[in-house]
Amino acid sequence: MPTIATSYNPPPLSIRWSWDLGLGLSTAESTALLGLLAALREHGTLGQAATAANTSYRAAWGLLRKCEQALAKPLVIKAPGKGTQLSEFAEQLLQLDGVARSTLQEIHAPWGQRLQELLSPSEAVEPERLRIAASHDLALADWIENGRHITVDIFWRGSEEALLALARGECDAAGFHLPTTLSGEQAATWLGRWLKPRQFVFFPIMRRQHGILTAAGNPFGIQSLADVARLGLRMVNRQRGSGTRGMIDQLMAANGLNTRDIPGYAHEEFTHDAVASAIASGQADVGFGIQAAAARYDLGFVPLGQDQYCLAVRSSIAHSSAVRQLIRRFLGNTFHERLAALPGYVATSVAGELLPWEQFTAALNDQPR
């Protein structure tokens, strides 16, 4: 499997990685093999490939033979008049190498940026683009897509995944939501599973109405998840780790229901739109999500509770111009008008500013229930 090493001598920072194929081959031999195969594919002869890989013909041939024996697979094919060609197995190795490089660079690029920030604590941190991992929300998706004056890269994740990405330094902010039934103490305990209090500040953005989504007119007369189980209706669920999935499981526990009681509990979707679409298309009878999603797809809706959607931001960038502009947009008339146009949404900014941990959790105790 690939191993990853990060340079600690800026500038610049970079991700370096290498293969360890095992089977008696060293990391150096495994890495050299992939480089030699890539050169051989490009140049077509072992002599030219060896030169490109900065090794001798003899060493290159010896490496190929040793790796073929270790892997028990042919790597090259000698064809009269055609030079040395890669075997199908070697081509697959190179394809895997390319995919791995691309994937690892994409995953670890934010880590390098965060490391650069940590290595320069005396300098003001001013992100060029705000990276936000966020639980999916219709109002936020529309607003980000049509926003101006600030560049935001948003990645839709479950609430737990978004907070974990923030804790790891993979993003600048995380959007997450909590049931309004949680007390400030309960919210602090839940958040403490991922975040350290002093390293983050928070902004309560909005409340949203959650409930059961049904076919138009609620033809089955559903009033609770217990009715869904009693009638044997097909449900479309949200993915594990999402805040909505947590609300579903809490409601099931409150109704004394087991996952086996509801057909389709294992059918997971990653957004409110996807849940509503599954019901509108007849793939499922019911789902759980926000009222605005039901309205968008002309579905029936049975309200069961509210959540509080919030933003967590790294304290180190809380006073940057990008974050200040982001908060101003949340407080502006355009965003509030957008919320007012969506069924089940209410803006809930507490003091028009980012709040430290203690003030944020205390504010949750004061919200309507």
Protein backbone atom coordinates (compact mmCIF):
# COMPACT_ATOMS: atom_id res chain seq x y z
CA MET A 1 0.00 0.00 0.00
CA PRO A 2 1.18 3.60 -0.50
CA THR A 3 2.96 5.34 2.38
CA ILE A 4 2.86 9.12 2.74
CA ALA A 5 5.46 11.54 4.03
CA THR A 6 5.00 15.30 4.34
CA SER A 7 7.92 17.70 3.97
CA TYR A 8 8.45 20.00 6.96
CA ASN A 9 10.82 22.52 5.30
CA PRO A 10 8.75 25.29 3.76
CA PRO A 11 8.60 26.84 1.31
CA PRO A 12 7.12 25.01 -0.46
CA LEU A 13 5.38 22.20 1.38
CA SER A 14 4.63 19.05 -0.59
CA ILE A 15 3.22 15.56 -0.19
CA ARG A 16 5.69 12.78 -0.96
CA TRP A 17 4.64 9.17 -1.10
CA SER A 18 5.95 5.81 -2.21
CA TRP A 19 4.76 2.30 -2.89
CA ASP A 20 5.58 -0.70 -0.71
CA LEU A 21 4.52 -3.75 -2.71
CA GLY A 22 5.75 -6.19 -0.07
CA LEU A 23 6.62 -9.76 -1.11
CA GLY A 24 10.29 -9.24 -0.29
CA LEU A 25 10.59 -5.99 -2.26
CA SER A 26 11.84 -2.89 -0.48
CA THR A 27 10.06 0.44 -0.64
CA ALA A 28 12.86 1.77 -2.85
CA GLU A 29 12.52 -1.16 -5.27
CA SER A 30 8.72 -0.85 -5.36
CA THR A 31 8.91 2.89 -6.10
CA ALA A 32 11.68 2.44 -8.69
CA LEU A 33 9.64 -0.22 -10.44
CA LEU A 34 6.68 2.11 -11.01
CA GLY A 35 8.99 4.82 -12.33
CA LEU A 36 10.72 2.38 -14.69
CA LEU A 37 7.43 1.02 -16.01
CA ALA A 38 6.16 4.54 -16.69
CA ALA A 39 9.39 5.37 -18.57
CA LEU A 40 9.18 2.14 -20.53
CA ARG A 41 5.62 2.88 -21.61
CA GLU A 42 6.70 6.32 -22.79
CA HIS A 43 9.93 5.38 -24.61
CA GLY A 44 9.24 1.83 -25.81
CA THR A 45 12.75 0.43 -25.26
CA LEU A 46 14.40 -0.65 -22.02
CA GLY A 47 17.59 1.24 -22.81
CA GLN A 48 15.83 4.58 -23.22
CA ALA A 49 13.61 3.85 -20.23
CA ALA A 50 16.64 3.12 -18.05
CA THR A 51 18.24 6.42 -19.10
CA ALA A 52 15.01 8.32 -18.33
CA ALA A 53 14.79 6.60 -14.94
CA ASN A 54 18.42 7.54 -14.22
CA THR A 55 19.67 3.96 -13.97
CA SER A 56 21.71 1.54 -16.08
CA TYR A 57 20.29 -0.98 -18.54
CA ARG A 58 21.67 -3.83 -16.43
CA ALA A 59 20.15 -2.47 -13.20
CA ALA A 60 16.81 -1.88 -14.92
CA TRP A 61 16.69 -5.40 -16.32
CA GLY A 62 17.70 -6.85 -12.95
CA LEU A 63 14.92 -4.87 -11.21
CA LEU A 64 12.32 -6.12 -13.66
CA ARG A 65 13.38 -9.74 -13.22
CA LYS A 66 13.43 -9.50 -9.41
CA CYS A 67 10.00 -7.88 -9.31
CA GLU A 68 8.53 -10.44 -11.72
CA GLN A 69 9.73 -13.24 -9.47
CA ALA A 70 8.42 -11.54 -6.32
CA LEU A 71 5.03 -10.68 -7.83
CA ALA A 72 4.74 -13.92 -9.81
CA LYS A 73 3.46 -11.87 -12.75
CA PRO A 74 5.08 -10.89 -16.06
CA LEU A 75 5.85 -7.18 -16.31
CA VAL A 76 7.28 -6.86 -19.82
CA ILE A 77 6.93 -8.66 -23.13
CA LYS A 78 9.77 -8.82 -25.65
CA ALA A 79 8.28 -8.56 -29.14
CA PRO A 80 10.57 -8.97 -32.19
CA GLY A 81 10.80 -5.67 -34.02
CA LYS A 82 8.65 -3.89 -31.41
CA GLY A 83 11.05 -3.50 -28.51
CA THR A 84 9.98 -4.12 -24.94
CA GLN A 85 6.27 -3.73 -24.20
CA LEU A 86 4.41 -3.69 -20.91
CA SER A 87 2.29 -6.67 -19.93
CA GLU A 88 -1.38 -6.21 -19.09
CA PHE A 89 -0.51 -6.56 -15.39
CA ALA A 90 2.11 -3.79 -15.65
CA GLU A 91 -0.40 -1.51 -17.37
CA GLN A 92 -2.84 -2.14 -14.52
CA LEU A 93 -0.13 -1.28 -11.98
CA LEU A 94 0.51 2.04 -13.73
CA GLN A 95 -3.19 2.79 -13.90
CA LEU A 96 -3.50 2.10 -10.18
CA ASP A 97 -0.48 4.30 -9.52
CA GLY A 98 -2.04 7.17 -11.45
CA VAL A 99 -5.36 6.93 -9.62
CA ALA A 100 -3.61 6.70 -6.25
CA ARG A 101 -1.47 9.78 -6.96
CA SER A 102 -4.44 11.83 -8.04
CA THR A 103 -6.56 10.74 -5.07
CA LEU A 104 -3.87 11.28 -2.46
CA GLN A 105 -3.02 14.73 -3.76
CA GLU A 106 -6.69 15.72 -3.61
CA ILE A 107 -7.13 14.35 -0.09
CA HIS A 108 -3.94 15.73 1.41
CA ALA A 109 -3.67 19.12 -0.28
CA PRO A 110 -5.70 20.79 2.53
CA TRP A 111 -3.38 19.23 5.10
CA GLY A 112 -0.38 20.87 3.48
CA GLN A 113 -2.09 24.24 3.59
CA ARG A 114 -3.02 23.75 7.22
CA LEU A 115 0.54 22.70 8.05
CA GLN A 116 1.85 25.85 6.39
CA GLU A 117 -0.43 27.88 8.63
CA LEU A 118 0.78 26.05 11.74
CA LEU A 119 4.41 26.61 10.78
CA SER A 120 3.81 30.35 10.42
CA PRO A 121 1.92 31.21 13.65
CA SER A 122 3.22 34.77 13.73
CA GLU A 123 1.71 35.67 10.40
CA ALA A 124 -1.93 36.57 9.93
CA VAL A 125 -3.86 33.73 8.32
CA GLU A 126 -5.91 35.00 5.40
CA PRO A 127 -7.41 32.16 3.35
CA GLU A 128 -7.84 32.95 -0.34
CA ARG A 129 -10.80 30.57 -0.55
CA LEU A 130 -12.95 29.44 2.34
CA ARG A 131 -13.20 25.65 2.42
CA ILE A 132 -16.42 24.53 4.11
CA ALA A 133 -17.46 20.96 4.82
CA ALA A 134 -21.16 21.07 5.56
CA SER A 135 -24.23 18.99 6.20
CA HIS A 136 -26.49 19.34 3.17
CA ASP A 137 -29.01 22.18 3.26
CA LEU A 138 -31.23 23.60 0.50
CA ALA A 139 -30.96 27.24 1.56
CA LEU A 140 -27.21 27.07 1.98
CA ALA A 141 -26.70 25.27 -1.34
CA ASP A 142 -28.68 27.89 -3.28
CA TRP A 143 -27.03 30.76 -1.45
CA ILE A 144 -23.47 29.52 -1.96
CA GLU A 145 -24.12 28.84 -5.63
CA ASN A 146 -25.46 32.35 -6.23
CA GLY A 147 -23.14 34.18 -3.83
CA ARG A 148 -20.85 37.09 -4.66
CA HIS A 149 -17.80 38.86 -3.20
CA ILE A 150 -16.34 35.74 -1.56
CA THR A 151 -15.00 32.49 -2.97
CA VAL A 152 -16.26 29.40 -1.16
CA ASP A 153 -15.50 25.76 -1.84
CA ILE A 154 -18.23 23.73 -0.16
CA PHE A 155 -18.19 19.96 0.25
CA TRP A 156 -21.38 18.22 1.36
CA ARG A 157 -20.75 15.82 4.26
CA GLY A 158 -22.76 14.48 7.18
CA SER A 159 -22.58 16.66 10.30
CA GLU A 160 -20.18 14.26 12.01
CA GLU A 161 -17.94 13.97 8.93
CA ALA A 162 -17.89 17.76 8.54
CA LEU A 163 -16.83 18.32 12.15
CA LEU A 164 -14.19 15.61 11.85
CA ALA A 165 -12.81 17.28 8.70
CA LEU A 166 -12.63 20.58 10.60
CA ALA A 167 -10.84 18.98 13.55
CA ARG A 168 -8.28 17.47 11.16
CA GLY A 169 -7.60 20.81 9.49
CA GLU A 170 -9.03 19.71 6.15
CA CYS A 171 -11.34 22.73 5.94
CA ASP A 172 -11.79 26.20 7.42
CA ALA A 173 -15.36 25.79 8.65
CA ALA A 174 -18.00 23.10 9.16
CA GLY A 175 -21.77 23.27 8.82
CA PHE A 176 -23.61 20.99 11.22
CA HIS A 177 -27.00 20.73 12.87
CA LEU A 178 -28.41 19.72 16.23
CA PRO A 179 -31.94 18.84 17.36
CA THR A 180 -33.45 21.75 19.29
CA THR A 181 -34.36 19.24 22.00
CA LEU A 182 -30.70 19.07 23.05
CA SER A 183 -29.67 21.20 26.01
CA GLY A 184 -26.51 23.29 25.91
CA GLU A 185 -24.77 20.70 28.08
CA GLN A 186 -25.79 17.86 25.77
CA ALA A 187 -24.67 19.85 22.73
CA ALA A 188 -21.29 20.54 24.36
CA THR A 189 -20.83 16.83 25.08
CA TRP A 190 -21.68 15.92 21.49
CA LEU A 191 -19.41 18.60 19.97
CA GLY A 192 -16.62 17.62 22.34
CA ARG A 193 -16.37 14.29 20.56
CA TRP A 194 -14.71 16.11 17.64
CA LEU A 195 -13.67 19.65 18.60
CA LYS A 196 -11.49 21.23 21.27
CA PRO A 197 -13.40 24.19 22.74
CA ARG A 198 -10.67 26.85 22.57
CA GLN A 199 -9.79 26.23 18.93
CA PHE A 200 -13.19 27.03 17.39
CA VAL A 201 -15.95 29.64 17.38
CA PHE A 202 -19.57 29.18 16.32
CA PHE A 203 -22.42 30.91 14.52
CA PRO A 204 -26.06 29.71 14.79
CA ILE A 205 -27.44 30.30 11.30
CA MET A 206 -31.01 29.03 11.16
CA ARG A 207 -33.65 26.62 12.41
CA ARG A 208 -35.35 24.12 10.12
CA GLN A 209 -38.54 22.09 10.42
CA HIS A 210 -38.01 18.34 10.09
CA GLY A 211 -40.56 15.62 9.62
CA ILE A 212 -41.84 12.73 7.54
CA LEU A 213 -42.02 13.21 3.78
CA THR A 214 -44.86 11.32 2.08
CA ALA A 215 -46.64 11.20 -1.25
CA ALA A 216 -48.79 14.26 -1.91
CA GLY A 217 -51.75 14.47 0.46
CA ASN A 218 -50.29 11.90 2.89
CA PRO A 219 -52.46 9.07 1.49
CA PHE A 220 -51.53 6.65 4.28
CA GLY A 221 -52.47 9.07 7.06
CA ILE A 222 -49.04 8.84 8.69
CA GLN A 223 -48.45 10.76 11.90
CA SER A 224 -45.29 9.09 13.26
CA LEU A 225 -42.55 6.59 12.49
CA ALA A 226 -44.62 4.05 14.41
CA ASP A 227 -47.26 4.36 11.67
CA VAL A 228 -44.57 3.72 9.05
CA ALA A 229 -43.59 0.49 10.80
CA ARG A 230 -47.20 -0.58 11.42
CA LEU A 231 -48.14 -0.15 7.77
CA GLY A 232 -44.94 -1.72 6.46
CA LEU A 233 -44.15 1.30 4.28
CA ARG A 234 -40.92 1.56 2.33
CA MET A 235 -38.61 4.17 3.82
CA VAL A 236 -35.66 6.03 2.30
CA ASN A 237 -33.09 6.82 5.00
CA ARG A 238 -30.22 9.31 5.35
CA GLN A 239 -26.62 8.12 5.52
CA ARG A 240 -24.86 7.19 8.73
CA GLY A 241 -23.05 10.13 10.33
CA SER A 242 -25.54 12.72 9.12
CA GLY A 243 -27.38 14.85 11.66
CA THR A 244 -30.71 13.88 10.12
CA ARG A 245 -29.89 10.19 10.56
CA GLY A 246 -29.26 10.91 14.24
CA MET A 247 -32.69 12.53 14.53
CA ILE A 248 -34.30 9.52 12.82
CA ASP A 249 -32.65 7.07 15.18
CA GLN A 250 -33.68 9.15 18.21
CA LEU A 251 -37.30 9.13 17.04
CA MET A 252 -37.16 5.39 16.45
CA ALA A 253 -35.84 4.85 19.97
CA ALA A 254 -38.58 7.10 21.37
CA ASN A 255 -41.18 4.95 19.56
CA GLY A 256 -39.57 1.68 20.69
CA LEU A 257 -38.78 0.72 17.09
CA ASN A 258 -36.02 -1.55 15.81
CA THR A 259 -34.34 -1.05 12.45
CA ARG A 260 -35.89 -4.33 11.36
CA ASP A 261 -39.34 -2.82 11.90
CA ILE A 262 -39.06 -0.45 8.93
CA PRO A 263 -38.59 -1.75 5.37
CA GLY A 264 -36.00 0.28 3.52
CA TYR A 265 -34.12 1.44 6.62
CA ALA A 266 -30.89 0.39 4.85
CA HIS A 267 -31.78 2.47 1.73
CA GLU A 268 -29.54 5.52 2.25
CA GLU A 269 -29.33 8.84 0.42
CA PHE A 270 -26.93 11.73 1.04
CA THR A 271 -29.11 14.84 0.66
CA HIS A 272 -32.62 16.06 1.44
CA ASP A 273 -33.18 16.47 -2.29
CA ALA A 274 -32.28 12.83 -2.92
CA VAL A 275 -34.71 11.64 -0.23
CA ALA A 276 -37.53 13.74 -1.65
CA SER A 277 -36.74 12.61 -5.19
CA ALA A 278 -36.88 8.94 -4.18
CA ILE A 279 -40.39 9.43 -2.79
CA ALA A 280 -41.59 11.54 -5.73
CA SER A 281 -40.38 8.87 -8.18
CA GLY A 282 -42.09 6.04 -6.28
CA GLN A 283 -38.88 4.35 -5.15
CA ALA A 284 -39.99 4.78 -1.53
CA ASP A 285 -43.21 5.58 0.33
CA VAL A 286 -41.78 7.81 3.05
CA GLY A 287 -38.61 9.52 4.20
CA PHE A 288 -37.41 11.96 6.81
CA GLY A 289 -36.12 15.43 6.01
CA ILE A 290 -36.79 19.14 5.96
CA GLN A 291 -40.10 20.73 5.05
CA ALA A 292 -38.55 22.74 2.21
CA ALA A 293 -37.55 19.52 0.41
CA ALA A 294 -41.14 18.26 0.62
CA ALA A 295 -42.42 21.55 -0.81
CA ARG A 296 -39.87 21.50 -3.64
CA TYR A 297 -41.14 18.10 -4.82
CA ASP A 298 -44.85 18.69 -4.04
CA LEU A 299 -44.86 16.03 -1.32
CA GLY A 300 -46.86 15.65 1.86
CA PHE A 301 -45.15 16.61 5.11
CA VAL A 302 -45.75 15.62 8.76
CA PRO A 303 -43.78 17.91 11.14
CA LEU A 304 -41.98 16.11 13.95
CA GLY A 305 -39.34 18.54 15.24
CA GLN A 306 -36.81 21.29 14.55
CA ASP A 307 -33.04 21.45 14.32
CA GLN A 308 -30.51 24.25 14.70
CA TYR A 309 -28.09 24.61 11.79
CA CYS A 310 -24.76 26.11 12.84
CA LEU A 311 -21.32 26.99 11.53
CA ALA A 312 -18.07 26.14 13.34
CA VAL A 313 -14.97 28.12 12.33
CA ARG A 314 -11.32 27.75 13.28
CA SER A 315 -10.47 30.52 15.75
CA SER A 316 -7.24 31.29 13.90
CA ILE A 317 -9.18 32.72 10.92
CA ALA A 318 -12.22 34.09 12.76
CA HIS A 319 -11.15 37.70 12.14
CA SER A 320 -10.06 37.25 8.54
CA SER A 321 -11.80 39.36 5.92
CA ALA A 322 -13.19 36.23 4.23
CA VAL A 323 -14.90 35.01 7.40
CA ARG A 324 -16.17 38.49 8.28
CA GLN A 325 -17.70 38.77 4.81
CA LEU A 326 -19.26 35.33 5.21
CA ILE A 327 -20.94 36.31 8.49
CA ARG A 328 -22.14 39.61 7.00
CA ARG A 329 -23.81 37.66 4.22
CA PHE A 330 -25.54 35.41 6.75
CA LEU A 331 -26.85 38.53 8.49
CA GLY A 332 -27.86 40.33 5.31
CA ASN A 333 -31.33 40.89 3.92
CA THR A 334 -30.70 38.70 0.86
CA PHE A 335 -30.07 35.58 2.91
CA HIS A 336 -32.95 36.30 5.30
CA GLU A 337 -35.30 36.81 2.36
CA ARG A 338 -34.10 33.51 0.94
CA LEU A 339 -34.93 31.76 4.22
CA ALA A 340 -38.34 33.43 4.41
CA ALA A 341 -39.16 32.05 0.95
CA LEU A 342 -38.44 28.47 2.02
CA PRO A 343 -41.06 26.61 4.10
CA GLY A 344 -39.88 25.63 7.57
CA TYR A 345 -36.86 27.99 7.83
CA VAL A 346 -36.22 30.67 10.46
CA ALA A 347 -33.02 32.76 10.80
CA THR A 348 -31.53 32.47 14.30
CA SER A 349 -28.31 34.49 14.48
CA VAL A 350 -27.92 35.26 18.17
CA ALA A 351 -25.76 38.37 18.38
CA GLY A 352 -24.57 38.89 14.83
CA GLU A 353 -21.11 37.53 15.61
CA LEU A 354 -19.14 34.37 16.06
CA LEU A 355 -19.50 32.98 19.57
CA PRO A 356 -16.96 31.20 21.74
CA TRP A 357 -17.87 27.70 22.95
CA GLU A 358 -19.44 28.72 26.28
CA GLN A 359 -21.65 31.47 24.81
CA PHE A 360 -22.71 29.25 21.94
CA THR A 361 -23.83 26.33 24.10
CA ALA A 362 -25.53 28.73 26.55
CA ALA A 363 -27.45 30.30 23.65
CA LEU A 364 -28.80 26.87 22.72
CA ASN A 365 -30.51 26.72 26.10
CA ASP A 366 -32.38 29.95 25.33
CA GLN A 367 -33.79 28.93 21.94
CA PRO A 368 -37.50 28.07 21.48
CA ARG A 369 -38.31 24.37 21.74
